[in-house]
Amino acid sequence: MLRKKIDLVDKQILNLLSQRMQIVLKIGELKRQKGIVPLDEIRWQVVVDSKLLIARSLGLDVEMVRDIYERIHKASLRLETLLQNK
């Protein structure tokens, strides 16, 4: 029963990641059209700080959340960079 609940939550996480990457593609295309570079370091720092604040409030391991978001960010940048090079 509990394992099935974990499986369901994992599926939801993956669906949300897919949705996020679709949004990244749209942002990447807009940036390409406007000649904006993929990495906005100030925005990235704001995102990380806000996610870590939420993680702390939820009692989550902050380093785990940082690692997750760094991986998500790297994957997002790869997508945006591919669009830039079209």
PDB file of N, CA and C in Angstrom:
ATOM      1  N   MET A   1       0.823  -1.197   0.000  1.00  0.00           N
ATOM      2  CA  MET A   1       0.000   0.000   0.000  1.00  0.00           C
ATOM      3  C   MET A   1       0.870   1.266   0.000  1.00  0.00           C
ATOM      4  N   LEU A   2       1.835   1.343   0.896  1.00  0.00           N
ATOM      5  CA  LEU A   2       2.701   2.511   0.956  1.00  0.00           C
ATOM      6  C   LEU A   2       3.597   2.616  -0.278  1.00  0.00           C
ATOM      7  N   ARG A   3       4.048   1.485  -0.761  1.00  0.00           N
ATOM      8  CA  ARG A   3       4.881   1.509  -1.972  1.00  0.00           C
ATOM      9  C   ARG A   3       4.088   2.021  -3.168  1.00  0.00           C
ATOM     10  N   LYS A   4       2.823   1.663  -3.231  1.00  0.00           N
ATOM     11  CA  LYS A   4       1.977   2.167  -4.318  1.00  0.00           C
ATOM     12  C   LYS A   4       1.818   3.678  -4.211  1.00  0.00           C
ATOM     13  N   LYS A   5       1.730   4.182  -2.994  1.00  0.00           N
ATOM     14  CA  LYS A   5       1.641   5.625  -2.796  1.00  0.00           C
ATOM     15  C   LYS A   5       2.915   6.315  -3.262  1.00  0.00           C
ATOM     16  N   ILE A   6       4.055   5.701  -2.953  1.00  0.00           N
ATOM     17  CA  ILE A   6       5.334   6.255  -3.420  1.00  0.00           C
ATOM     18  C   ILE A   6       5.382   6.236  -4.938  1.00  0.00           C
ATOM     19  N   ASP A   7       4.947   5.146  -5.546  1.00  0.00           N
ATOM     20  CA  ASP A   7       4.919   5.052  -7.012  1.00  0.00           C
ATOM     21  C   ASP A   7       4.059   6.163  -7.615  1.00  0.00           C
ATOM     22  N   LEU A   8       2.938   6.434  -6.992  1.00  0.00           N
ATOM     23  CA  LEU A   8       2.044   7.480  -7.483  1.00  0.00           C
ATOM     24  C   LEU A   8       2.703   8.854  -7.361  1.00  0.00           C
ATOM     25  N   VAL A   9       3.311   9.115  -6.225  1.00  0.00           N
ATOM     26  CA  VAL A   9       3.999  10.398  -6.030  1.00  0.00           C
ATOM     27  C   VAL A   9       5.144  10.529  -7.028  1.00  0.00           C
ATOM     28  N   ASP A  10       5.901   9.459  -7.247  1.00  0.00           N
ATOM     29  CA  ASP A  10       6.998   9.491  -8.224  1.00  0.00           C
ATOM     30  C   ASP A  10       6.479   9.821  -9.621  1.00  0.00           C
ATOM     31  N   LYS A  11       5.357   9.248  -9.988  1.00  0.00           N
ATOM     32  CA  LYS A  11       4.763   9.533 -11.299  1.00  0.00           C
ATOM     33  C   LYS A  11       4.369  11.008 -11.387  1.00  0.00           C
ATOM     34  N   GLN A  12       3.815  11.535 -10.317  1.00  0.00           N
ATOM     35  CA  GLN A  12       3.448  12.953 -10.286  1.00  0.00           C
ATOM     36  C   GLN A  12       4.682  13.839 -10.426  1.00  0.00           C
ATOM     37  N   ILE A  13       5.753  13.479  -9.738  1.00  0.00           N
ATOM     38  CA  ILE A  13       7.002  14.243  -9.842  1.00  0.00           C
ATOM     39  C   ILE A  13       7.494  14.254 -11.287  1.00  0.00           C
ATOM     40  N   LEU A  14       7.481  13.101 -11.929  1.00  0.00           N
ATOM     41  CA  LEU A  14       7.948  13.010 -13.312  1.00  0.00           C
ATOM     42  C   LEU A  14       7.048  13.795 -14.267  1.00  0.00           C
ATOM     43  N   ASN A  15       5.753  13.744 -14.051  1.00  0.00           N
ATOM     44  CA  ASN A  15       4.840  14.540 -14.871  1.00  0.00           C
ATOM     45  C   ASN A  15       5.108  16.033 -14.704  1.00  0.00           C
ATOM     46  N   LEU A  16       5.345  16.453 -13.480  1.00  0.00           N
ATOM     47  CA  LEU A  16       5.646  17.862 -13.227  1.00  0.00           C
ATOM     48  C   LEU A  16       6.984  18.269 -13.854  1.00  0.00           C
ATOM     49  N   LEU A  17       7.965  17.387 -13.793  1.00  0.00           N
ATOM     50  CA  LEU A  17       9.248  17.681 -14.452  1.00  0.00           C
ATOM     51  C   LEU A  17       9.061  17.824 -15.956  1.00  0.00           C
ATOM     52  N   SER A  18       8.241  16.978 -16.526  1.00  0.00           N
ATOM     53  CA  SER A  18       7.964  17.071 -17.955  1.00  0.00           C
ATOM     54  C   SER A  18       7.296  18.402 -18.285  1.00  0.00           C
ATOM     55  N   GLN A  19       6.319  18.788 -17.482  1.00  0.00           N
ATOM     56  CA  GLN A  19       5.644  20.076 -17.693  1.00  0.00           C
ATOM     57  C   GLN A  19       6.646  21.227 -17.575  1.00  0.00           C
ATOM     58  N   ARG A  20       7.529  21.135 -16.588  1.00  0.00           N
ATOM     59  CA  ARG A  20       8.523  22.188 -16.391  1.00  0.00           C
ATOM     60  C   ARG A  20       9.430  22.312 -17.616  1.00  0.00           C
ATOM     61  N   MET A  21       9.855  21.197 -18.159  1.00  0.00           N
ATOM     62  CA  MET A  21      10.744  21.226 -19.317  1.00  0.00           C
ATOM     63  C   MET A  21      10.028  21.772 -20.549  1.00  0.00           C
ATOM     64  N   GLN A  22       8.745  21.519 -20.673  1.00  0.00           N
ATOM     65  CA  GLN A  22       7.981  22.104 -21.781  1.00  0.00           C
ATOM     66  C   GLN A  22       7.948  23.622 -21.658  1.00  0.00           C
ATOM     67  N   ILE A  23       7.817  24.112 -20.448  1.00  0.00           N
ATOM     68  CA  ILE A  23       7.844  25.556 -20.220  1.00  0.00           C
ATOM     69  C   ILE A  23       9.230  26.104 -20.522  1.00  0.00           C
ATOM     70  N   VAL A  24      10.265  25.373 -20.123  1.00  0.00           N
ATOM     71  CA  VAL A  24      11.643  25.774 -20.419  1.00  0.00           C
ATOM     72  C   VAL A  24      11.842  25.920 -21.924  1.00  0.00           C
ATOM     73  N   LEU A  25      11.292  24.994 -22.695  1.00  0.00           N
ATOM     74  CA  LEU A  25      11.406  25.083 -24.152  1.00  0.00           C
ATOM     75  C   LEU A  25      10.772  26.363 -24.679  1.00  0.00           C
ATOM     76  N   LYS A  26       9.621  26.719 -24.137  1.00  0.00           N
ATOM     77  CA  LYS A  26       8.952  27.951 -24.571  1.00  0.00           C
ATOM     78  C   LYS A  26       9.771  29.178 -24.188  1.00  0.00           C
ATOM     79  N   ILE A  27      10.309  29.179 -22.978  1.00  0.00           N
ATOM     80  CA  ILE A  27      11.160  30.292 -22.544  1.00  0.00           C
ATOM     81  C   ILE A  27      12.406  30.356 -23.409  1.00  0.00           C
ATOM     82  N   GLY A  28      12.997  29.201 -23.672  1.00  0.00           N
ATOM     83  CA  GLY A  28      14.195  29.151 -24.504  1.00  0.00           C
ATOM     84  C   GLY A  28      13.954  29.707 -25.892  1.00  0.00           C
ATOM     85  N   GLU A  29      12.807  29.399 -26.452  1.00  0.00           N
ATOM     86  CA  GLU A  29      12.473  29.913 -27.780  1.00  0.00           C
ATOM     87  C   GLU A  29      12.309  31.435 -27.741  1.00  0.00           C
ATOM     88  N   LEU A  30      11.653  31.943 -26.722  1.00  0.00           N
ATOM     89  CA  LEU A  30      11.515  33.393 -26.585  1.00  0.00           C
ATOM     90  C   LEU A  30      12.878  34.071 -26.424  1.00  0.00           C
ATOM     91  N   LYS A  31      13.741  33.462 -25.621  1.00  0.00           N
ATOM     92  CA  LYS A  31      15.082  34.019 -25.438  1.00  0.00           C
ATOM     93  C   LYS A  31      15.851  34.011 -26.760  1.00  0.00           C
ATOM     94  N   ARG A  32      15.711  32.918 -27.527  1.00  0.00           N
ATOM     95  CA  ARG A  32      16.399  32.830 -28.816  1.00  0.00           C
ATOM     96  C   ARG A  32      15.922  33.937 -29.737  1.00  0.00           C
ATOM     97  N   GLN A  33      14.618  34.132 -29.801  1.00  0.00           N
ATOM     98  CA  GLN A  33      14.060  35.159 -30.678  1.00  0.00           C
ATOM     99  C   GLN A  33      14.521  36.559 -30.287  1.00  0.00           C
ATOM    100  N   LYS A  34      14.718  36.779 -28.997  1.00  0.00           N
ATOM    101  CA  LYS A  34      15.102  38.106 -28.516  1.00  0.00           C
ATOM    102  C   LYS A  34      16.606  38.267 -28.325  1.00  0.00           C
ATOM    103  N   GLY A  35      17.358  37.195 -28.624  1.00  0.00           N
ATOM    104  CA  GLY A  35      18.808  37.258 -28.499  1.00  0.00           C
ATOM    105  C   GLY A  35      19.299  37.303 -27.064  1.00  0.00           C
ATOM    106  N   ILE A  36      18.539  36.706 -26.164  1.00  0.00           N
ATOM    107  CA  ILE A  36      18.903  36.674 -24.741  1.00  0.00           C
ATOM    108  C   ILE A  36      19.622  35.359 -24.452  1.00  0.00           C
ATOM    109  N   VAL A  37      20.724  35.438 -23.722  1.00  0.00           N
ATOM    110  CA  VAL A  37      21.483  34.230 -23.385  1.00  0.00           C
ATOM    111  C   VAL A  37      20.686  33.362 -22.414  1.00  0.00           C
ATOM    112  N   PRO A  38      20.893  32.039 -22.460  1.00  0.00           N
ATOM    113  CA  PRO A  38      20.123  31.134 -21.605  1.00  0.00           C
ATOM    114  C   PRO A  38      20.295  31.374 -20.101  1.00  0.00           C
ATOM    115  N   LEU A  39      21.510  31.643 -19.665  1.00  0.00           N
ATOM    116  CA  LEU A  39      21.751  31.744 -18.223  1.00  0.00           C
ATOM    117  C   LEU A  39      21.576  33.167 -17.717  1.00  0.00           C
ATOM    118  N   ASP A  40      20.647  33.316 -16.788  1.00  0.00           N
ATOM    119  CA  ASP A  40      20.454  34.568 -16.067  1.00  0.00           C
ATOM    120  C   ASP A  40      20.845  34.276 -14.620  1.00  0.00           C
ATOM    121  N   GLU A  41      22.083  34.592 -14.259  1.00  0.00           N
ATOM    122  CA  GLU A  41      22.619  34.210 -12.955  1.00  0.00           C
ATOM    123  C   GLU A  41      21.840  34.820 -11.792  1.00  0.00           C
ATOM    124  N   ILE A  42      21.376  36.042 -11.955  1.00  0.00           N
ATOM    125  CA  ILE A  42      20.614  36.673 -10.880  1.00  0.00           C
ATOM    126  C   ILE A  42      19.300  35.923 -10.662  1.00  0.00           C
ATOM    127  N   ARG A  43      18.606  35.626 -11.747  1.00  0.00           N
ATOM    128  CA  ARG A  43      17.348  34.871 -11.653  1.00  0.00           C
ATOM    129  C   ARG A  43      17.598  33.504 -11.029  1.00  0.00           C
ATOM    130  N   TRP A  44      18.690  32.849 -11.436  1.00  0.00           N
ATOM    131  CA  TRP A  44      19.002  31.525 -10.918  1.00  0.00           C
ATOM    132  C   TRP A  44      19.209  31.586  -9.405  1.00  0.00           C
ATOM    133  N   GLN A  45      19.912  32.583  -8.924  1.00  0.00           N
ATOM    134  CA  GLN A  45      20.155  32.694  -7.485  1.00  0.00           C
ATOM    135  C   GLN A  45      18.850  32.931  -6.726  1.00  0.00           C
ATOM    136  N   VAL A  46      17.965  33.742  -7.294  1.00  0.00           N
ATOM    137  CA  VAL A  46      16.658  33.980  -6.669  1.00  0.00           C
ATOM    138  C   VAL A  46      15.866  32.675  -6.596  1.00  0.00           C
ATOM    139  N   VAL A  47      15.897  31.897  -7.674  1.00  0.00           N
ATOM    140  CA  VAL A  47      15.185  30.611  -7.707  1.00  0.00           C
ATOM    141  C   VAL A  47      15.737  29.674  -6.641  1.00  0.00           C
ATOM    142  N   VAL A  48      17.051  29.536  -6.593  1.00  0.00           N
ATOM    143  CA  VAL A  48      17.664  28.622  -5.625  1.00  0.00           C
ATOM    144  C   VAL A  48      17.309  29.052  -4.200  1.00  0.00           C
ATOM    145  N   ASP A  49      17.490  30.325  -3.909  1.00  0.00           N
ATOM    146  CA  ASP A  49      17.203  30.814  -2.561  1.00  0.00           C
ATOM    147  C   ASP A  49      15.756  30.548  -2.161  1.00  0.00           C
ATOM    148  N   SER A  50      14.825  30.778  -3.086  1.00  0.00           N
ATOM    149  CA  SER A  50      13.411  30.577  -2.751  1.00  0.00           C
ATOM    150  C   SER A  50      13.103  29.097  -2.534  1.00  0.00           C
ATOM    151  N   LYS A  51      13.712  28.232  -3.350  1.00  0.00           N
ATOM    152  CA  LYS A  51      13.463  26.795  -3.195  1.00  0.00           C
ATOM    153  C   LYS A  51      14.048  26.276  -1.887  1.00  0.00           C
ATOM    154  N   LEU A  52      15.204  26.784  -1.499  1.00  0.00           N
ATOM    155  CA  LEU A  52      15.822  26.336  -0.254  1.00  0.00           C
ATOM    156  C   LEU A  52      15.023  26.822   0.957  1.00  0.00           C
ATOM    157  N   LEU A  53      14.457  27.994   0.856  1.00  0.00           N
ATOM    158  CA  LEU A  53      13.606  28.506   1.925  1.00  0.00           C
ATOM    159  C   LEU A  53      12.369  27.612   2.093  1.00  0.00           C
ATOM    160  N   ILE A  54      11.767  27.241   0.976  1.00  0.00           N
ATOM    161  CA  ILE A  54      10.609  26.342   1.014  1.00  0.00           C
ATOM    162  C   ILE A  54      11.016  24.984   1.578  1.00  0.00           C
ATOM    163  N   ALA A  55      12.170  24.482   1.134  1.00  0.00           N
ATOM    164  CA  ALA A  55      12.654  23.181   1.617  1.00  0.00           C
ATOM    165  C   ALA A  55      12.811  23.200   3.138  1.00  0.00           C
ATOM    166  N   ARG A  56      13.428  24.256   3.650  1.00  0.00           N
ATOM    167  CA  ARG A  56      13.599  24.368   5.105  1.00  0.00           C
ATOM    168  C   ARG A  56      12.242  24.368   5.811  1.00  0.00           C
ATOM    169  N   SER A  57      11.290  25.124   5.276  1.00  0.00           N
ATOM    170  CA  SER A  57       9.981  25.217   5.926  1.00  0.00           C
ATOM    171  C   SER A  57       9.248  23.878   5.928  1.00  0.00           C
ATOM    172  N   LEU A  58       9.581  23.023   4.962  1.00  0.00           N
ATOM    173  CA  LEU A  58       8.953  21.701   4.875  1.00  0.00           C
ATOM    174  C   LEU A  58       9.751  20.616   5.599  1.00  0.00           C
ATOM    175  N   GLY A  59      10.877  21.006   6.175  1.00  0.00           N
ATOM    176  CA  GLY A  59      11.703  20.040   6.888  1.00  0.00           C
ATOM    177  C   GLY A  59      12.488  19.117   5.976  1.00  0.00           C
ATOM    178  N   LEU A  60      12.732  19.572   4.743  1.00  0.00           N
ATOM    179  CA  LEU A  60      13.491  18.764   3.786  1.00  0.00           C
ATOM    180  C   LEU A  60      14.985  19.033   3.922  1.00  0.00           C
ATOM    181  N   ASP A  61      15.763  18.065   3.503  1.00  0.00           N
ATOM    182  CA  ASP A  61      17.211  18.209   3.479  1.00  0.00           C
ATOM    183  C   ASP A  61      17.573  19.259   2.429  1.00  0.00           C
ATOM    184  N   VAL A  62      18.122  20.366   2.881  1.00  0.00           N
ATOM    185  CA  VAL A  62      18.402  21.496   2.000  1.00  0.00           C
ATOM    186  C   VAL A  62      19.432  21.135   0.930  1.00  0.00           C
ATOM    187  N   GLU A  63      20.432  20.369   1.284  1.00  0.00           N
ATOM    188  CA  GLU A  63      21.447  19.984   0.295  1.00  0.00           C
ATOM    189  C   GLU A  63      20.860  19.071  -0.776  1.00  0.00           C
ATOM    190  N   MET A  64      19.946  18.197  -0.387  1.00  0.00           N
ATOM    191  CA  MET A  64      19.279  17.351  -1.368  1.00  0.00           C
ATOM    192  C   MET A  64      18.496  18.216  -2.358  1.00  0.00           C
ATOM    193  N   VAL A  65      17.753  19.182  -1.831  1.00  0.00           N
ATOM    194  CA  VAL A  65      16.961  20.058  -2.684  1.00  0.00           C
ATOM    195  C   VAL A  65      17.873  20.886  -3.581  1.00  0.00           C
ATOM    196  N   ARG A  66      18.985  21.380  -3.029  1.00  0.00           N
ATOM    197  CA  ARG A  66      19.946  22.134  -3.842  1.00  0.00           C
ATOM    198  C   ARG A  66      20.458  21.266  -4.993  1.00  0.00           C
ATOM    199  N   ASP A  67      20.825  20.025  -4.691  1.00  0.00           N
ATOM    200  CA  ASP A  67      21.318  19.104  -5.730  1.00  0.00           C
ATOM    201  C   ASP A  67      20.265  18.872  -6.807  1.00  0.00           C
ATOM    202  N   ILE A  68      19.044  18.644  -6.385  1.00  0.00           N
ATOM    203  CA  ILE A  68      17.957  18.406  -7.343  1.00  0.00           C
ATOM    204  C   ILE A  68      17.791  19.602  -8.266  1.00  0.00           C
ATOM    205  N   TYR A  69      17.741  20.800  -7.685  1.00  0.00           N
ATOM    206  CA  TYR A  69      17.528  21.992  -8.511  1.00  0.00           C
ATOM    207  C   TYR A  69      18.721  22.318  -9.388  1.00  0.00           C
ATOM    208  N   GLU A  70      19.917  22.006  -8.926  1.00  0.00           N
ATOM    209  CA  GLU A  70      21.079  22.207  -9.792  1.00  0.00           C
ATOM    210  C   GLU A  70      21.015  21.291 -11.005  1.00  0.00           C
ATOM    211  N   ARG A  71      20.577  20.058 -10.802  1.00  0.00           N
ATOM    212  CA  ARG A  71      20.434  19.126 -11.930  1.00  0.00           C
ATOM    213  C   ARG A  71      19.327  19.569 -12.886  1.00  0.00           C
ATOM    214  N   ILE A  72      18.212  20.007 -12.322  1.00  0.00           N
ATOM    215  CA  ILE A  72      17.116  20.506 -13.149  1.00  0.00           C
ATOM    216  C   ILE A  72      17.583  21.722 -13.949  1.00  0.00           C
ATOM    217  N   HIS A  73      18.310  22.592 -13.293  1.00  0.00           N
ATOM    218  CA  HIS A  73      18.803  23.808 -13.949  1.00  0.00           C
ATOM    219  C   HIS A  73      19.769  23.478 -15.080  1.00  0.00           C
ATOM    220  N   LYS A  74      20.689  22.544 -14.840  1.00  0.00           N
ATOM    221  CA  LYS A  74      21.631  22.145 -15.890  1.00  0.00           C
ATOM    222  C   LYS A  74      20.894  21.570 -17.096  1.00  0.00           C
ATOM    223  N   ALA A  75      19.894  20.733 -16.838  1.00  0.00           N
ATOM    224  CA  ALA A  75      19.122  20.153 -17.938  1.00  0.00           C
ATOM    225  C   ALA A  75      18.363  21.244 -18.688  1.00  0.00           C
ATOM    226  N   SER A  76      17.829  22.209 -17.961  1.00  0.00           N
ATOM    227  CA  SER A  76      17.107  23.316 -18.585  1.00  0.00           C
ATOM    228  C   SER A  76      18.040  24.149 -19.458  1.00  0.00           C
ATOM    229  N   LEU A  77      19.231  24.430 -18.946  1.00  0.00           N
ATOM    230  CA  LEU A  77      20.213  25.195 -19.725  1.00  0.00           C
ATOM    231  C   LEU A  77      20.631  24.458 -20.991  1.00  0.00           C
ATOM    232  N   ARG A  78      20.771  23.132 -20.887  1.00  0.00           N
ATOM    233  CA  ARG A  78      21.112  22.341 -22.082  1.00  0.00           C
ATOM    234  C   ARG A  78      20.040  22.508 -23.146  1.00  0.00           C
ATOM    235  N   LEU A  79      18.767  22.433 -22.743  1.00  0.00           N
ATOM    236  CA  LEU A  79      17.670  22.608 -23.702  1.00  0.00           C
ATOM    237  C   LEU A  79      17.704  24.003 -24.335  1.00  0.00           C
ATOM    238  N   GLU A  80      17.870  25.007 -23.489  1.00  0.00           N
ATOM    239  CA  GLU A  80      17.893  26.372 -24.005  1.00  0.00           C
ATOM    240  C   GLU A  80      19.087  26.596 -24.925  1.00  0.00           C
ATOM    241  N   THR A  81      20.226  26.023 -24.581  1.00  0.00           N
ATOM    242  CA  THR A  81      21.421  26.177 -25.406  1.00  0.00           C
ATOM    243  C   THR A  81      21.232  25.489 -26.756  1.00  0.00           C
ATOM    244  N   LEU A  82      20.587  24.326 -26.766  1.00  0.00           N
ATOM    245  CA  LEU A  82      20.297  23.659 -28.032  1.00  0.00           C
ATOM    246  C   LEU A  82      19.425  24.544 -28.927  1.00  0.00           C
ATOM    247  N   LEU A  83      18.449  25.202 -28.325  1.00  0.00           N
ATOM    248  CA  LEU A  83      17.599  26.104 -29.092  1.00  0.00           C
ATOM    249  C   LEU A  83      18.389  27.288 -29.639  1.00  0.00           C
ATOM    250  N   GLN A  84      19.312  27.806 -28.835  1.00  0.00           N
ATOM    251  CA  GLN A  84      20.126  28.941 -29.255  1.00  0.00           C
ATOM    252  C   GLN A  84      20.969  28.603 -30.485  1.00  0.00           C
ATOM    253  N   ASN A  85      21.396  27.338 -30.543  1.00  0.00           N
ATOM    254  CA  ASN A  85      22.301  26.905 -31.613  1.00  0.00           C
ATOM    255  C   ASN A  85      21.560  26.446 -32.866  1.00  0.00           C
ATOM    256  N   LYS A  86      20.248  26.602 -32.918  1.00  0.00           N
ATOM    257  CA  LYS A  86      19.474  26.209 -34.109  1.00  0.00           C
ATOM    258  C   LYS A  86      19.743  27.139 -35.243  1.00  0.00           C
TER     259      LYS A  86
END
